[in-house]
N, C-alpha and C. Protein backbone atom coordinates (compact mmCIF):
# COMPACT_ATOMS: atom_id res chain seq x y z
N MET A 1 32.33 37.21 -28.06
CA MET A 1 32.75 35.69 -27.11
C MET A 1 31.68 36.44 -26.02
N GLU A 2 31.70 37.40 -25.94
CA GLU A 2 30.32 37.51 -24.49
C GLU A 2 29.17 37.15 -24.69
N ARG A 3 28.54 37.86 -26.21
CA ARG A 3 26.98 36.92 -26.46
C ARG A 3 27.11 35.58 -26.51
N MET A 4 28.21 34.49 -27.00
CA MET A 4 28.37 33.15 -26.76
C MET A 4 28.17 32.67 -25.36
N LEU A 5 29.08 33.14 -24.47
CA LEU A 5 28.94 33.27 -22.94
C LEU A 5 27.51 33.98 -22.53
N ALA A 6 26.82 34.52 -22.54
CA ALA A 6 25.43 34.82 -22.41
C ALA A 6 24.48 34.05 -22.82
N GLY A 7 24.80 33.38 -24.15
CA GLY A 7 23.91 32.70 -24.98
C GLY A 7 23.82 30.53 -24.14
N ASP A 8 25.30 31.11 -23.44
CA ASP A 8 25.81 29.39 -22.69
C ASP A 8 24.82 29.43 -21.48
N GLU A 9 25.39 30.52 -21.18
CA GLU A 9 24.58 30.85 -19.27
C GLU A 9 22.42 30.57 -20.05
N THR A 10 22.22 31.22 -20.44
CA THR A 10 20.68 31.27 -20.70
C THR A 10 20.37 29.61 -21.19
N LYS A 11 20.90 29.12 -21.68
CA LYS A 11 20.66 27.85 -21.97
C LYS A 11 21.14 26.90 -20.75
N LEU A 12 21.91 26.77 -20.01
CA LEU A 12 22.16 26.46 -18.74
C LEU A 12 20.48 27.01 -17.85
N GLN A 13 20.39 27.92 -17.72
CA GLN A 13 18.94 28.56 -17.20
C GLN A 13 17.71 27.95 -17.16
N VAL A 14 18.23 27.54 -18.76
CA VAL A 14 16.66 27.30 -19.19
C VAL A 14 16.61 25.80 -18.96
N GLN A 15 18.13 24.86 -18.90
CA GLN A 15 18.33 23.48 -18.77
C GLN A 15 17.99 23.16 -17.54
N GLY A 16 18.35 24.30 -16.55
CA GLY A 16 17.95 24.22 -15.15
C GLY A 16 16.76 24.01 -14.78
N THR A 17 15.58 24.88 -15.73
CA THR A 17 14.61 25.49 -15.20
C THR A 17 13.94 23.96 -15.85
N LEU A 18 14.15 23.43 -16.95
CA LEU A 18 13.70 22.49 -17.47
C LEU A 18 13.74 21.15 -16.39
N ASP A 19 14.85 20.66 -16.07
CA ASP A 19 15.62 19.66 -15.36
C ASP A 19 14.56 19.85 -13.60
N LEU A 20 14.39 21.12 -13.11
CA LEU A 20 13.82 21.19 -12.26
C LEU A 20 12.05 21.15 -12.27
N THR A 21 11.59 21.16 -13.55
CA THR A 21 10.36 21.22 -13.47
C THR A 21 9.87 19.75 -14.22
N VAL A 22 10.98 18.83 -14.44
CA VAL A 22 10.93 17.78 -15.24
C VAL A 22 11.09 16.48 -13.68
N ALA A 23 11.98 17.31 -12.35
CA ALA A 23 11.72 16.76 -11.44
C ALA A 23 10.91 16.87 -10.88
N ARG A 24 9.82 18.06 -10.22
CA ARG A 24 8.69 18.27 -9.78
C ARG A 24 7.83 17.46 -10.27
N ALA A 25 7.46 17.63 -11.48
CA ALA A 25 6.77 16.56 -11.64
C ALA A 25 6.76 14.94 -12.09
N GLN A 26 7.51 14.87 -12.27
CA GLN A 26 7.89 13.07 -11.62
C GLN A 26 7.73 13.08 -9.91
N ASN A 27 7.73 13.84 -9.52
CA ASN A 27 7.86 14.19 -7.31
C ASN A 27 6.12 13.68 -7.46
N ASN A 28 5.79 14.99 -8.55
CA ASN A 28 4.33 14.83 -8.03
C ASN A 28 3.25 13.88 -8.69
N TYR A 29 3.62 13.13 -9.52
CA TYR A 29 3.08 12.06 -10.15
C TYR A 29 3.38 10.92 -9.18
N SER A 30 5.01 10.53 -8.52
CA SER A 30 5.04 9.83 -7.26
C SER A 30 4.27 9.53 -6.15
N LEU A 31 3.72 11.15 -5.92
CA LEU A 31 2.94 11.35 -4.70
C LEU A 31 1.41 10.82 -5.23
N ALA A 32 1.32 11.24 -6.27
CA ALA A 32 -0.06 10.73 -6.63
C ALA A 32 -0.18 9.72 -6.81
N ALA A 33 0.66 8.55 -7.01
CA ALA A 33 0.41 7.06 -7.10
C ALA A 33 0.36 6.47 -5.47
N ARG A 34 1.27 6.79 -4.87
CA ARG A 34 1.23 7.07 -3.56
C ARG A 34 -0.26 7.41 -2.69
N LEU A 35 -0.63 8.20 -3.01
CA LEU A 35 -1.86 8.48 -2.32
C LEU A 35 -3.12 7.59 -3.04
N GLN A 36 -2.54 7.37 -4.08
CA GLN A 36 -3.61 6.44 -5.08
C GLN A 36 -3.65 5.10 -4.03
N ASP A 37 -2.65 4.56 -4.27
CA ASP A 37 -2.27 3.21 -3.28
C ASP A 37 -2.60 3.47 -2.03
N LEU A 38 -2.36 4.33 -1.11
CA LEU A 38 -2.98 4.20 0.37
C LEU A 38 -4.33 4.18 0.29
N GLY A 39 -5.09 5.17 -0.75
CA GLY A 39 -6.52 5.39 -0.81
C GLY A 39 -6.86 3.48 -0.63
N LYS A 40 -6.72 2.75 -1.81
CA LYS A 40 -7.12 1.54 -2.41
C LYS A 40 -6.96 0.78 -0.72
N ARG A 41 -5.93 1.02 -0.38
CA ARG A 41 -5.70 0.25 1.24
C ARG A 41 -6.73 0.91 2.22
N VAL A 42 -7.06 2.12 2.20
CA VAL A 42 -7.87 2.63 3.36
C VAL A 42 -9.35 1.77 2.79
N ARG A 43 -9.62 1.87 1.46
CA ARG A 43 -10.78 1.54 1.01
C ARG A 43 -11.08 0.11 1.96
N ALA A 44 -10.22 -0.78 1.41
CA ALA A 44 -9.98 -2.24 1.70
C ALA A 44 -9.98 -2.43 3.13
N SER A 45 -9.06 -1.48 3.77
CA SER A 45 -9.50 -1.75 5.46
C SER A 45 -11.02 -1.74 6.00
N ILE A 46 -11.62 -0.44 5.24
CA ILE A 46 -12.52 -0.24 5.55
C ILE A 46 -13.93 -1.31 5.90
N SER A 47 -13.45 -1.99 4.26
CA SER A 47 -14.61 -3.13 3.97
C SER A 47 -14.47 -3.97 4.61
N TRP A 48 -13.19 -4.45 4.83
CA TRP A 48 -13.09 -5.39 6.04
C TRP A 48 -13.28 -5.19 7.58
N ALA A 49 -13.37 -4.04 7.70
CA ALA A 49 -13.81 -3.40 9.21
C ALA A 49 -15.28 -3.29 9.15
N VAL A 50 -16.01 -3.21 8.27
CA VAL A 50 -17.38 -3.38 8.22
C VAL A 50 -17.80 -4.83 7.78
N LEU A 51 -17.11 -5.87 6.84
CA LEU A 51 -17.73 -7.17 6.78
C LEU A 51 -17.32 -7.80 8.61
N LEU A 52 -16.22 -7.37 9.10
CA LEU A 52 -16.24 -8.05 10.22
C LEU A 52 -17.29 -7.86 11.33
N HIS A 53 -17.69 -6.32 11.24
CA HIS A 53 -18.78 -5.83 12.24
C HIS A 53 -20.24 -6.53 11.97
N MET A 54 -20.37 -6.46 10.30
CA MET A 54 -21.55 -6.87 10.17
C MET A 54 -21.55 -8.63 10.14
N SER A 55 -20.62 -9.32 10.43
CA SER A 55 -20.69 -10.86 10.67
C SER A 55 -20.47 -10.76 12.41
N MET A 56 -20.21 -9.84 13.15
CA MET A 56 -20.25 -9.90 14.80
C MET A 56 -22.15 -9.75 15.18
N THR A 57 -22.50 -8.64 14.22
CA THR A 57 -23.57 -8.10 14.70
C THR A 57 -24.67 -9.21 14.17
N MET A 58 -24.23 -10.46 13.16
CA MET A 58 -25.14 -11.42 12.58
C MET A 58 -25.06 -12.68 13.72
N ARG A 59 -24.24 -13.00 14.43
CA ARG A 59 -23.80 -13.37 15.30
C ARG A 59 -24.78 -13.20 16.74
N GLN A 60 -24.73 -12.06 17.01
CA GLN A 60 -25.29 -11.52 18.00
C GLN A 60 -26.71 -11.38 17.61
N LEU A 61 -27.13 -11.15 16.19
CA LEU A 61 -28.59 -11.35 16.43
C LEU A 61 -29.02 -12.72 15.98
N ARG A 62 -27.93 -13.98 16.00
CA ARG A 62 -28.64 -14.82 15.40
C ARG A 62 -28.56 -15.83 17.47
N SER A 63 -27.52 -15.40 18.03
CA SER A 63 -27.19 -15.23 19.45
C SER A 63 -28.88 -14.82 20.28
N ALA A 64 -29.22 -13.78 19.78
CA ALA A 64 -30.63 -13.37 20.73
C ALA A 64 -31.87 -13.95 20.22
N VAL A 65 -31.88 -14.16 19.08
CA VAL A 65 -32.99 -14.91 18.24
C VAL A 65 -33.46 -16.70 18.57
N GLY A 66 -31.93 -17.35 19.24
CA GLY A 66 -32.29 -17.96 19.91
C GLY A 66 -31.85 -18.39 21.31
N TRP A 67 -31.92 -17.50 21.91
CA TRP A 67 -32.48 -17.18 23.21
C TRP A 67 -34.03 -16.74 23.46
N THR A 68 -34.56 -16.41 22.46
CA THR A 68 -35.69 -15.85 22.08
C THR A 68 -36.67 -17.35 21.84
N SER A 69 -36.46 -18.11 21.08
CA SER A 69 -36.91 -19.53 20.78
C SER A 69 -36.94 -20.67 21.83
N VAL A 70 -35.72 -20.17 22.55
CA VAL A 70 -35.60 -21.20 24.00
C VAL A 70 -36.50 -20.44 24.75
N SER A 71 -36.54 -19.31 24.95
CA SER A 71 -37.46 -18.72 25.94
C SER A 71 -38.99 -18.67 25.87
N LEU A 72 -39.90 -19.04 24.32
CA LEU A 72 -40.58 -19.21 23.79
C LEU A 72 -40.87 -20.78 24.33
N SER A 73 -39.92 -21.78 23.99
CA SER A 73 -40.00 -23.14 23.98
C SER A 73 -40.14 -23.39 25.49
N SER A 74 -39.40 -22.95 26.21
CA SER A 74 -39.64 -23.13 27.74
C SER A 74 -40.75 -22.74 28.26
N MET A 75 -41.64 -21.53 27.82
CA MET A 75 -43.06 -20.90 28.18
C MET A 75 -43.69 -22.01 27.86
N ALA A 76 -43.56 -22.29 26.90
CA ALA A 76 -45.05 -23.49 26.06
C ALA A 76 -45.22 -25.09 26.93
């Protein structure tokens, strides 16, 4: 009888350990998925920021070129 109780207790301990291990693995997988999603969003945000900066730089460049051509035409 005592051996059966000890065996049942061992089974419960093993099952508890397995449940905990599975829960940790699921949590780690969920965390990894969230971090991967966050990484994608950060890359997308950086891409938009770079594109916006490039377009602003191009506008400034066109503006500067426009001023140069106006200055040269008024000098001629």
